[in-house]
Every structure is written in C-alpha cells, then in structure tokens.
Protein backbone atom coordinates (compact mmCIF):
# COMPACT_ATOMS: atom_id res chain seq x y z
CA ALA A 1 29.24 62.17 88.27
CA LEU A 2 32.20 62.85 90.39
CA ILE A 3 31.56 63.27 93.85
CA ASP A 4 33.98 65.03 96.22
CA TYR A 5 34.56 62.98 98.95
CA GLU A 6 35.76 65.72 101.14
CA LYS A 7 32.31 67.21 101.04
CA ILE A 8 30.53 63.97 101.78
CA ARG A 9 33.33 63.15 104.55
CA VAL A 10 33.91 59.66 103.39
CA LYS A 11 36.73 58.36 105.53
CA SER A 12 37.05 54.95 103.86
CA ILE A 13 40.56 54.35 102.58
CA ALA A 14 38.96 52.21 99.67
CA THR A 15 36.52 55.05 98.66
CA LYS A 16 39.38 57.47 98.64
CA ALA A 17 41.25 55.21 96.42
CA SER A 18 38.52 54.77 94.10
CA TYR A 19 37.98 58.53 94.09
CA THR A 20 41.60 59.21 93.35
CA ASN A 21 41.39 56.55 90.36
CA ALA A 22 38.40 58.22 89.01
CA VAL A 23 39.96 61.75 89.17
CA MET A 24 43.08 60.36 87.36
CA GLY A 25 40.83 59.04 84.74
CA LEU A 26 39.31 62.44 84.29
CA ASN A 27 42.80 64.10 84.29
CA ASN A 28 43.83 61.38 81.31
CA ALA A 29 40.31 61.74 79.42
CA TYR A 30 40.89 65.90 79.43
CA SER A 31 44.35 65.50 78.48
CA ASN A 32 43.37 63.28 75.51
CA ILE A 33 40.92 65.72 74.17
CA GLY A 34 43.27 68.70 74.77
CA ASP A 35 41.35 70.70 77.39
CA ASN A 36 44.39 71.99 79.18
CA LYS A 37 42.52 73.85 82.02
CA ASN A 38 40.61 70.61 83.19
CA THR A 39 43.81 68.47 82.61
CA ILE A 40 45.61 70.58 85.01
CA TYR A 41 42.90 70.85 87.35
CA TYR A 42 42.03 67.18 87.77
CA GLY A 43 45.69 66.46 87.70
CA LYS A 44 46.13 68.48 90.65
CA ILE A 45 43.34 66.94 92.63
CA ALA A 46 44.54 63.38 91.68
CA LEU A 47 48.07 64.10 92.80
CA LYS A 48 46.99 65.78 95.99
CA SER A 49 44.50 62.86 96.72
CA ALA A 50 46.92 60.34 96.17
CA SER A 51 49.51 62.04 98.12
CA GLU A 52 47.34 62.27 101.12
CA GLY A 53 46.44 58.74 100.67
CA TYR A 54 50.15 57.59 100.47
CA GLU A 55 50.85 59.55 103.78
CA SER A 56 48.00 57.81 105.52
CA ALA A 57 48.19 54.35 103.85
CA PRO A 58 51.39 53.79 101.80
CA SER A 59 50.68 50.19 101.27
CA ILE A 60 47.40 50.93 99.59
CA PHE A 61 48.23 54.12 98.00
CA ALA A 62 51.79 53.33 96.58
CA ASN A 63 50.68 52.22 93.12
CA LEU A 64 48.34 55.19 92.91
CA PHE A 65 50.69 57.57 94.06
CA THR A 66 53.30 56.59 91.58
CA LEU A 67 50.94 56.56 88.84
CA SER A 68 49.61 60.02 89.75
CA LEU A 69 53.22 61.41 89.79
CA TYR A 70 53.78 59.92 86.30
CA ASN A 71 50.45 61.12 84.96
CA TYR A 72 50.80 64.59 86.27
CA CYS A 73 54.28 64.77 84.74
CA ARG A 74 53.05 63.31 81.45
CA THR A 75 50.03 65.29 81.10
CA VAL A 76 50.80 68.58 82.50
CA CYS A 77 54.56 69.22 83.08
CA VAL A 78 55.72 67.70 79.61
CA PRO A 79 53.11 69.59 77.57
CA SER A 80 53.92 72.86 79.42
CA GLY A 81 57.40 72.53 79.03
CA ASP A 82 58.14 72.43 82.82
CA TYR A 83 60.60 69.78 82.86
CA SER A 84 62.27 70.67 86.13
CA SER A 85 59.03 70.03 88.06
CA GLY A 86 58.68 66.86 85.80
CA GLU A 87 61.92 65.49 87.04
CA THR A 88 61.08 66.13 90.59
CA LEU A 89 57.84 64.15 90.24
CA ILE A 90 59.54 61.34 88.18
CA LYS A 91 62.39 61.13 90.81
CA LYS A 92 59.76 60.75 93.68
CA ALA A 93 57.73 58.05 91.70
CA ILE A 94 61.24 56.07 91.30
CA SER A 95 62.10 56.38 94.83
CA ILE A 96 58.89 54.80 95.86
CA PHE A 97 59.66 51.89 93.29
CA ASP A 98 63.16 51.79 94.81
CA LYS A 99 61.66 51.18 98.28
CA LYS A 100 59.73 48.14 97.01
CA GLU A 101 56.30 49.71 98.12
CA VAL A 102 54.75 49.18 94.67
CA ALA A 103 52.90 46.06 94.15
CA HIS A 104 52.63 46.27 90.48
CA TYR A 105 55.67 47.59 88.46
CA ASP A 106 53.69 48.76 85.38
CA TYR A 107 55.04 52.30 85.19
CA LEU A 108 58.58 51.57 86.42
CA GLU A 109 60.20 51.13 82.98
CA ASN A 110 58.05 54.20 81.66
CA SER A 111 59.33 56.34 84.68
CA TYR A 112 62.89 55.69 83.89
CA TYR A 113 62.35 56.34 80.19
CA MET A 114 60.36 59.61 81.22
CA LEU A 115 63.52 60.57 83.44
CA ALA A 116 65.72 60.11 80.29
CA PHE A 117 63.43 62.06 78.41
CA LEU A 118 63.26 65.10 81.03
CA TYR A 119 67.09 65.23 81.20
CA GLN A 120 67.36 65.31 77.09
CA MET A 121 64.57 68.12 77.27
CA GLN A 122 66.80 70.05 80.00
CA GLY A 123 70.01 69.69 77.98
CA LYS A 124 71.30 67.37 80.51
CA ASP A 125 72.90 64.95 77.91
CA LYS A 126 75.23 63.19 80.10
CA ASP A 127 72.33 62.43 82.49
CA ALA A 128 70.07 61.22 79.56
CA GLU A 129 72.76 59.10 78.11
CA ASP A 130 73.29 57.51 81.41
CA MET A 131 69.48 57.01 81.86
CA VAL A 132 69.16 55.32 78.52
CA ASN A 133 72.08 52.96 79.29
CA TYR A 134 70.52 52.09 82.57
CA GLY A 135 67.42 51.38 80.68
CA VAL A 136 68.97 49.21 78.15
CA LYS A 137 70.73 47.16 80.71
CA HIS A 138 67.72 46.85 83.09
CA PHE A 139 64.95 46.50 80.63
CA PRO A 140 66.70 44.86 77.54
CA ASN A 141 63.46 44.34 75.52
CA ASN A 142 62.24 47.91 76.08
CA LEU A 143 61.89 49.31 72.59
CA TYR A 144 62.11 52.86 73.52
CA PHE A 145 65.22 52.57 75.46
CA LEU A 146 66.66 50.63 72.62
CA ASP A 147 65.65 53.12 70.28
CA GLY A 148 67.11 55.80 72.44
CA LYS A 149 70.53 53.58 72.36
CA GLY A 150 70.46 53.55 68.67
CA GLU A 151 70.21 57.29 68.45
CA LEU A 152 73.22 57.82 70.69
CA LEU A 153 75.34 55.43 68.72
CA MET A 154 74.29 57.41 65.54
CA LYS A 155 75.16 60.60 67.27
CA GLU A 156 78.65 59.02 68.14
CA GLY A 157 79.06 57.96 64.25
CA LYS A 158 78.71 54.31 65.34
CA ARG A 159 76.29 53.56 62.57
CA GLN A 160 76.95 49.67 62.45
CA GLU A 161 76.35 49.45 66.30
CA ALA A 162 73.17 51.37 65.81
CA MET A 163 71.94 49.11 63.08
CA VAL A 164 72.31 46.06 65.34
CA ILE A 165 70.23 47.90 67.99
CA TRP A 166 67.78 48.57 65.32
CA ASN A 167 67.49 45.13 64.02
CA LYS A 168 66.91 43.83 67.39
CA ILE A 169 63.91 46.20 67.69
CA ILE A 170 62.57 44.95 64.35
CA SER A 171 63.05 41.45 65.72
CA ILE A 172 60.69 42.34 68.83
CA ASP A 173 58.46 44.65 66.69
CA PRO A 174 58.48 44.27 63.07
CA HIS A 175 56.40 47.34 62.43
CA TRP A 176 58.72 49.79 64.57
CA ALA A 177 60.02 51.30 61.15
CA SER A 178 56.46 52.80 60.76
CA ASN A 179 55.79 53.25 64.37
CA GLY A 180 58.94 54.19 66.32
CA SER A 181 60.72 57.50 66.93
CA ASP A 182 60.83 59.91 64.01
CA PHE A 183 64.66 59.42 63.86
CA SER A 184 64.49 55.66 63.89
CA LYS A 185 61.82 55.74 61.13
CA MET A 186 63.82 57.88 59.10
CA ILE A 187 67.03 55.48 59.57
CA LEU A 188 65.15 52.10 59.23
CA ASN A 189 63.15 53.30 56.21
CA ASN A 190 66.34 54.54 54.25
CA ASN A 191 68.13 51.25 54.90
CA LYS A 192 65.36 49.00 53.26
C-alpha cells in the first residue's frame, strides 16, 4: 500500500526518496498497462516529490529528479503528444547531468536521445540532426543514435555511408535487423 508521506508527516529524506521511487514505480506500472489516468496522476506526484526533494537535498535527489523528469516525459508527454513540455523536462534533466550532480548516468544517453526524438516530432529537423550527431560522437556504441544517423544518411542519399553505420550496429547487436527501428529493419532485411 502506498502511504502519503505528507499525511503521516515523515520528514526523513531517505523515506521521501523511497516514497518518490515507489510512486515512480506506480507511474511506470500504470503506463505499461495503458491506464492513462493513473499514469498521469502518479507521474505528477513523482515529479512533484522528486522536485521538492531536489530543492532540499540535491545530492540525494539528483538521480531521482532526473529519472522522474525522464519518466514523466516518456510516460505522459510523449503519448499525449505534448512534445514541447517533454522538451522542457528533458532539457532540465540534461542540465542536472551537465552540472555533474548525478552519481549514476544511466539515463544520460536516453535523455539526449529523447531530446533528438522530441525535436524530430516538433519538426525541428536541424536540431534533431545536431542531437543525433552529438549522440554518435559522445555515445559511439549507442544503437539508437547510430540508427538515427543511418536514417539521416539515407535521407541525404548516402546509402553506402548508411550501410557502414548499420553494419556497425549489426556487429554490436546481430538481432538489430529484427529488433531495431522500422526503417532500419526495412533497409537491413532488404539487403540480405
């Protein structure tokens, strides 16, 4: 059972962090089963709790805050098509990463990739392309950035260069032709 820490007046930072983590888990669980109402409800609570925690104890809450920003973008903003709000949240997460306040960088690559996606969905093609190029440079083995680069090269008519990228992807993940993006699956399966 989820206990509202505000109602029981628990002041402990550790308890608030555990509570925030639990609420984020509910946000993800409801997202996975397609319950939009509860996804939004628990996403907002997690984001509020993590934000408050970050304001009072940044070193303890930096990871939770960046994760809650990313999760809210992924589970609420993207499915609803609110890409502008998602962009704001992801930029906030990246700013925390850039300040080196986050101890674990599990969501750093995902945040940059999400930003590229959000730019693309808003028609900010140049920004999306710049973010994909940034990702390929800084995360050279990230399959999603590599895949995005392959798509960009194909759009520019640079098929041979795109195939070099996709062959690199296959060397990292031999199953990418069946598990990757729809575009890369189409290209790779037609080149067998």
